[in-house]
Protein backbone atom coordinates (compact mmCIF):
# COMPACT_ATOMS: atom_id res chain seq x y z
CA MET A 1 -2.37 1.99 3.02
CA LYS A 2 -0.26 -0.92 1.85
CA VAL A 3 3.07 -2.05 3.38
CA HIS A 4 4.10 -4.90 1.11
CA ARG A 5 7.03 -2.73 0.16
CA LEU A 6 8.41 -3.14 3.67
CA LEU A 7 10.69 -5.90 2.37
CA GLY A 8 10.87 -4.74 -1.21
CA LEU A 9 7.67 -6.39 -2.28
CA ALA A 10 5.56 -4.45 -4.73
CA ALA A 11 2.21 -3.19 -3.47
CA ALA A 12 -0.68 -4.66 -5.34
CA VAL A 13 -2.68 -1.92 -6.96
CA GLY A 14 -5.08 -4.07 -8.97
CA ALA A 15 -7.94 -2.13 -10.44
CA ALA A 16 -10.44 -4.86 -11.11
CA ALA A 17 -13.80 -3.97 -9.60
CA ILE A 18 -15.78 -6.46 -7.67
CA SER A 19 -19.47 -5.64 -7.96
CA VAL A 20 -21.83 -7.81 -6.05
CA ALA A 21 -25.49 -7.73 -5.27
CA VAL A 22 -25.92 -7.72 -1.52
CA THR A 23 -28.86 -9.28 0.22
CA ALA A 24 -30.60 -6.73 2.39
CA GLY A 25 -29.77 -6.91 6.06
CA PRO A 26 -32.02 -5.97 8.94
CA ALA A 27 -35.03 -3.85 8.12
CA SER A 28 -34.23 -0.16 7.82
CA ALA A 29 -36.35 2.92 7.36
CA ALA A 30 -34.04 4.08 4.58
CA ALA A 31 -34.69 3.14 0.98
CA PRO A 32 -32.22 0.72 -0.65
CA VAL A 33 -29.08 2.47 -1.86
CA ASP A 34 -26.44 1.99 -4.53
CA TYR A 35 -23.15 1.98 -2.61
CA VAL A 36 -19.60 2.27 -3.99
CA SER A 37 -16.50 1.79 -1.83
CA LEU A 38 -13.40 3.54 -3.16
CA GLY A 39 -9.91 4.01 -1.78
CA ASP A 40 -6.81 2.25 -0.51
CA SER A 41 -6.09 -0.62 1.86
CA TYR A 42 -7.78 1.10 4.80
CA SER A 43 -10.99 0.63 2.84
CA SER A 44 -10.15 -2.65 1.10
CA GLY A 45 -9.66 -4.43 4.42
CA ALA A 46 -5.92 -5.08 4.57
CA GLY A 47 -5.05 -6.37 7.99
CA ALA A 48 -8.23 -8.40 8.41
CA PRO A 49 -8.03 -11.58 6.27
CA PRO A 50 -9.19 -13.78 4.61
CA TYR A 51 -8.92 -11.89 1.35
CA LEU A 52 -11.06 -12.08 -1.75
CA SER A 53 -9.55 -12.78 -5.15
CA GLY A 54 -8.24 -9.89 -7.20
CA GLY A 55 -4.94 -8.99 -5.57
CA CYS A 56 -6.16 -5.88 -3.74
CA SER A 57 -6.30 -7.17 -0.15
CA ARG A 58 -10.07 -6.91 -0.22
CA SER A 59 -11.74 -8.51 2.76
CA ASN A 60 -15.34 -8.91 3.81
CA ASN A 61 -14.13 -7.88 7.27
CA SER A 62 -13.60 -4.32 6.02
CA TYR A 63 -16.14 -1.74 7.09
CA ALA A 64 -17.62 -1.38 3.60
CA PRO A 65 -18.83 -4.98 3.09
CA GLN A 66 -20.00 -5.05 6.69
CA TRP A 67 -22.07 -1.92 6.15
CA ALA A 68 -23.50 -3.27 2.91
CA ALA A 69 -24.46 -6.55 4.56
CA THR A 70 -26.39 -4.85 7.36
CA HIS A 71 -28.28 -2.16 5.47
CA GLN A 72 -30.81 -1.95 2.66
CA VAL A 73 -28.46 -1.98 -0.33
CA SER A 74 -29.61 -2.46 -3.92
CA SER A 75 -26.04 -2.72 -5.27
CA PHE A 76 -22.53 -2.68 -3.84
CA ALA A 77 -19.35 -2.02 -5.85
CA PHE A 78 -16.25 -2.83 -3.81
CA VAL A 79 -13.38 -1.31 -5.78
CA ALA A 80 -11.07 -0.12 -2.99
CA CYS A 81 -7.60 -1.54 -3.52
CA GLY A 82 -4.55 -1.91 -1.31
CA GLY A 83 -1.72 0.39 -2.37
CA ALA A 84 -3.99 2.84 -4.19
CA THR A 85 -3.06 6.49 -4.59
CA THR A 86 -5.25 9.35 -5.75
CA ASP A 87 -4.03 8.69 -9.30
CA ASP A 88 -5.23 5.08 -9.03
CA VAL A 89 -8.64 6.18 -7.83
CA LEU A 90 -8.95 8.50 -10.82
CA ALA A 91 -7.63 5.94 -13.30
CA SER A 92 -9.46 2.82 -12.25
CA GLN A 93 -11.97 3.35 -9.45
CA VAL A 94 -14.21 6.35 -10.15
CA SER A 95 -15.54 4.56 -13.23
CA ALA A 96 -17.63 2.47 -10.82
CA LEU A 97 -19.66 5.58 -9.99
CA THR A 98 -22.83 6.57 -11.85
CA ALA A 99 -25.55 9.15 -11.57
CA ASN A 100 -27.53 6.54 -9.63
CA THR A 101 -24.90 6.10 -6.92
CA ASP A 102 -26.32 7.04 -3.53
CA LEU A 103 -23.40 6.49 -1.18
CA VAL A 104 -19.63 6.69 -1.68
CA THR A 105 -16.97 6.01 0.94
CA ILE A 106 -13.24 6.52 0.57
CA THR A 107 -9.93 6.52 2.42
CA ILE A 108 -7.12 7.96 0.31
CA GLY A 109 -3.97 10.05 0.57
CA GLY A 110 -1.61 8.00 2.72
CA ASN A 111 0.17 6.36 -0.20
CA ASP A 112 0.52 9.72 -1.96
CA VAL A 113 2.75 10.94 0.87
CA GLY A 114 4.95 7.86 1.25
CA PHE A 115 3.25 5.73 3.88
CA ALA A 116 5.11 2.53 2.94
CA ASN A 117 8.57 4.09 2.88
CA THR A 118 7.93 5.85 6.15
CA MET A 119 6.89 2.63 7.85
CA VAL A 120 10.01 0.90 6.49
CA ASN A 121 12.25 3.59 7.93
CA CYS A 122 10.43 3.70 11.25
CA THR A 123 10.37 -0.07 11.64
CA VAL A 124 13.96 -0.95 10.75
CA GLY A 125 15.78 2.40 10.77
CA ASN A 126 17.03 4.58 13.59
CA ASP A 127 15.17 7.52 15.12
CA SER A 128 16.73 10.00 12.70
CA ALA A 129 15.74 8.00 9.62
CA CYS A 130 12.20 7.70 10.91
CA ILE A 131 11.81 11.36 11.78
CA ASN A 132 13.27 12.48 8.45
CA SER A 133 10.87 10.21 6.57
CA VAL A 134 7.90 11.48 8.53
CA ASN A 135 8.95 15.08 7.87
CA GLN A 136 9.18 14.38 4.15
CA GLY A 137 5.67 12.99 4.29
CA ILE A 138 4.45 16.08 6.14
CA THR A 139 5.98 18.29 3.47
CA ALA A 140 4.18 16.34 0.74
CA THR A 141 0.96 16.44 2.76
CA ASN A 142 1.08 20.21 2.95
CA THR A 143 2.29 20.92 -0.59
CA THR A 144 1.20 18.35 -3.18
CA LEU A 145 -1.57 16.36 -1.52
CA PRO A 146 -4.25 19.08 -1.33
CA ALA A 147 -4.46 19.46 -5.12
CA LYS A 148 -4.50 15.69 -5.59
CA LEU A 149 -7.38 15.34 -3.14
CA ASP A 150 -9.26 18.22 -4.77
CA ALA A 151 -9.01 16.56 -8.19
CA THR A 152 -10.10 13.21 -6.80
CA TYR A 153 -13.06 14.65 -4.92
CA ALA A 154 -14.12 16.69 -7.97
CA ALA A 155 -14.13 13.55 -10.12
CA ILE A 156 -16.25 11.72 -7.55
CA ARG A 157 -18.79 14.54 -7.44
CA SER A 158 -18.88 14.78 -11.23
CA ARG A 159 -19.66 11.09 -11.69
CA ALA A 160 -21.99 10.78 -8.69
CA PRO A 161 -23.67 14.17 -8.44
CA SER A 162 -26.38 13.16 -5.96
CA ALA A 163 -24.42 10.77 -3.76
CA ARG A 164 -23.52 11.27 -0.15
CA VAL A 165 -19.73 11.08 -0.05
CA VAL A 166 -18.09 10.06 3.21
CA VAL A 167 -14.34 10.53 3.54
CA LEU A 168 -12.84 8.47 6.35
CA GLY A 169 -9.52 9.54 7.81
CA TYR A 170 -6.58 7.59 9.21
CA PRO A 171 -5.91 6.91 12.90
CA ARG A 172 -2.77 7.52 14.88
CA LEU A 173 -1.03 4.22 14.24
CA ILE A 174 1.04 3.52 17.33
CA SER A 175 0.19 3.46 21.01
CA PRO A 176 2.42 5.86 22.97
CA THR A 177 3.32 2.99 25.32
CA GLY A 178 3.56 -0.77 25.11
CA SER A 179 5.83 -3.24 23.35
CA CYS A 180 5.98 -3.77 19.60
CA GLY A 181 7.97 -6.98 20.05
CA LEU A 182 11.13 -7.65 18.06
CA PHE A 183 10.72 -4.48 15.98
CA ASN A 184 10.01 -2.17 18.88
CA LEU A 185 9.52 1.55 18.28
CA SER A 186 11.12 4.23 20.40
CA THR A 187 9.15 7.07 21.95
CA ALA A 188 10.66 9.44 19.36
CA LYS A 189 9.44 7.27 16.49
CA ARG A 190 5.96 6.90 17.94
CA THR A 191 5.65 10.63 18.50
CA ALA A 192 6.80 11.42 14.96
CA LEU A 193 4.42 8.92 13.36
CA ASN A 194 1.46 10.16 15.33
CA ASN A 195 2.31 13.80 14.59
CA GLY A 196 2.39 12.91 10.91
CA ALA A 197 -1.04 11.32 11.24
CA ASP A 198 -2.35 14.54 12.79
CA VAL A 199 -1.12 16.66 9.89
CA LEU A 200 -2.52 14.20 7.34
CA SER A 201 -5.90 14.14 9.05
CA GLY A 202 -6.05 17.93 9.10
CA VAL A 203 -5.39 18.26 5.38
CA ILE A 204 -7.78 15.47 4.34
CA GLY A 205 -10.50 16.87 6.56
CA ALA A 206 -10.08 20.38 5.17
CA ARG A 207 -10.19 19.27 1.53
CA ALA A 208 -13.20 17.02 2.18
CA ALA A 209 -15.03 19.95 3.75
CA ALA A 210 -14.13 22.18 0.83
CA ALA A 211 -15.67 19.60 -1.50
CA GLY A 212 -18.85 19.49 0.56
CA PHE A 213 -18.21 15.91 1.70
CA THR A 214 -18.64 14.37 5.14
CA TYR A 215 -15.32 13.80 6.91
CA LEU A 216 -14.97 11.21 9.67
CA ASP A 217 -11.83 11.68 11.77
CA ALA A 218 -10.57 8.24 12.85
CA ARG A 219 -8.20 9.54 15.50
CA GLY A 220 -10.85 9.85 18.20
CA PRO A 221 -12.45 6.41 17.81
CA PHE A 222 -9.03 4.70 17.64
CA THR A 223 -7.66 6.48 20.72
CA GLY A 224 -6.31 3.85 23.11
CA HIS A 225 -6.27 1.23 20.36
CA GLY A 226 -3.03 1.86 18.48
CA ALA A 227 -0.59 -0.85 17.51
CA CYS A 228 1.62 -2.15 20.33
CA GLY A 229 -0.82 -1.08 23.04
CA THR A 230 -2.90 -3.21 25.39
CA SER A 231 -6.10 -3.09 23.29
CA PRO A 232 -4.90 -2.79 19.69
CA TRP A 233 -7.25 -2.24 16.76
CA ILE A 234 -4.20 -1.87 14.51
CA ASN A 235 -1.74 -4.68 13.75
CA ARG A 236 1.89 -4.20 14.72
CA PHE A 237 4.64 -5.26 12.33
CA ASN A 238 4.56 -8.97 11.57
CA LEU A 239 7.20 -10.68 9.43
CA LEU A 240 4.76 -13.52 8.71
CA ALA A 241 2.03 -11.18 7.51
CA ILE A 242 3.80 -8.11 6.20
CA GLY A 243 0.81 -6.81 4.28
CA ASP A 244 -1.30 -6.78 7.43
CA SER A 245 1.21 -4.68 9.36
CA TYR A 246 0.06 -1.23 10.51
CA HIS A 247 -3.49 -1.82 9.26
CA PRO A 248 -6.68 -2.26 11.27
CA ASN A 249 -7.62 -5.72 12.45
CA THR A 250 -11.22 -6.93 12.23
CA THR A 251 -12.07 -5.21 15.51
CA GLY A 252 -10.66 -1.95 14.16
CA TYR A 253 -12.77 -2.14 11.03
CA THR A 254 -15.90 -3.06 12.98
CA GLN A 255 -15.71 -1.03 16.18
CA GLY A 256 -13.75 1.79 14.60
CA TYR A 257 -14.59 2.43 10.96
CA LEU A 258 -17.98 0.70 10.72
CA ALA A 259 -19.20 2.43 13.86
CA MET A 260 -18.09 5.76 12.40
CA LEU A 261 -19.91 5.11 9.14
CA ASN A 262 -23.04 3.94 10.92
CA SER A 263 -23.14 7.24 12.78
CA VAL A 264 -23.63 9.28 9.60
CA ALA A 265 -24.85 7.03 6.78
CA ALA A 266 -28.44 6.36 7.84
CA ARG A 267 -29.43 8.45 4.85
CA ALA A 268 -27.40 8.06 1.70
CA ARG A 269 -28.30 10.81 -0.72
CA ARG A 270 -27.34 14.32 0.25
């Protein structure tokens, strides 16, 4: 999920695909796979620079390039893009899939329910503004997001009928305690944001299961590692790196998301 809009900056939703051949990593019992990484900034690697060219906050520190570099991969298409919504995935990402695709990973849905606006309101607004924004996001999560996810997942299955599809969820963003610095967050704001993350995770998990996909809930692995805590895997708000704010750092992508993916993706095809 992208937060460039925090100060009125437009989120980059570039659709250019970066397809690279990846040299096989350590020997694996699994056959080489064709891997496609779809989704938003939680898959592109926002929060863990340096970034590749293309305007999508793609980083080799994201879990997807790390997985590709350490497994037997015959091809890797890295098309996840910061700021992407389900509509963007349908319009400019699923075209990277083919009948030969073995593994697909995706994080998506946060931008569909107003992640950026919510983080604006919770960072610079009062408790009421934050809670109202979170509640609006929860309403969208329960009403409009399920159909959007269903359409996205159906398109993925149609274009990659034999692939193993792994849907990765979002963590609770903020530690319940600890300082966020200049833009500190009250207990009420933290509670609201984390409640919103719980609702979002529940809906994404349910729709992924309905599609027959593997869902990986990020809330457990990221417990104790929220922004503003003592061992953060998520960046707190930073005026000097706005686009990195409220996204995983390299440790979060590696010890959180990559570890999750490693736990289920030993075999690619379903």
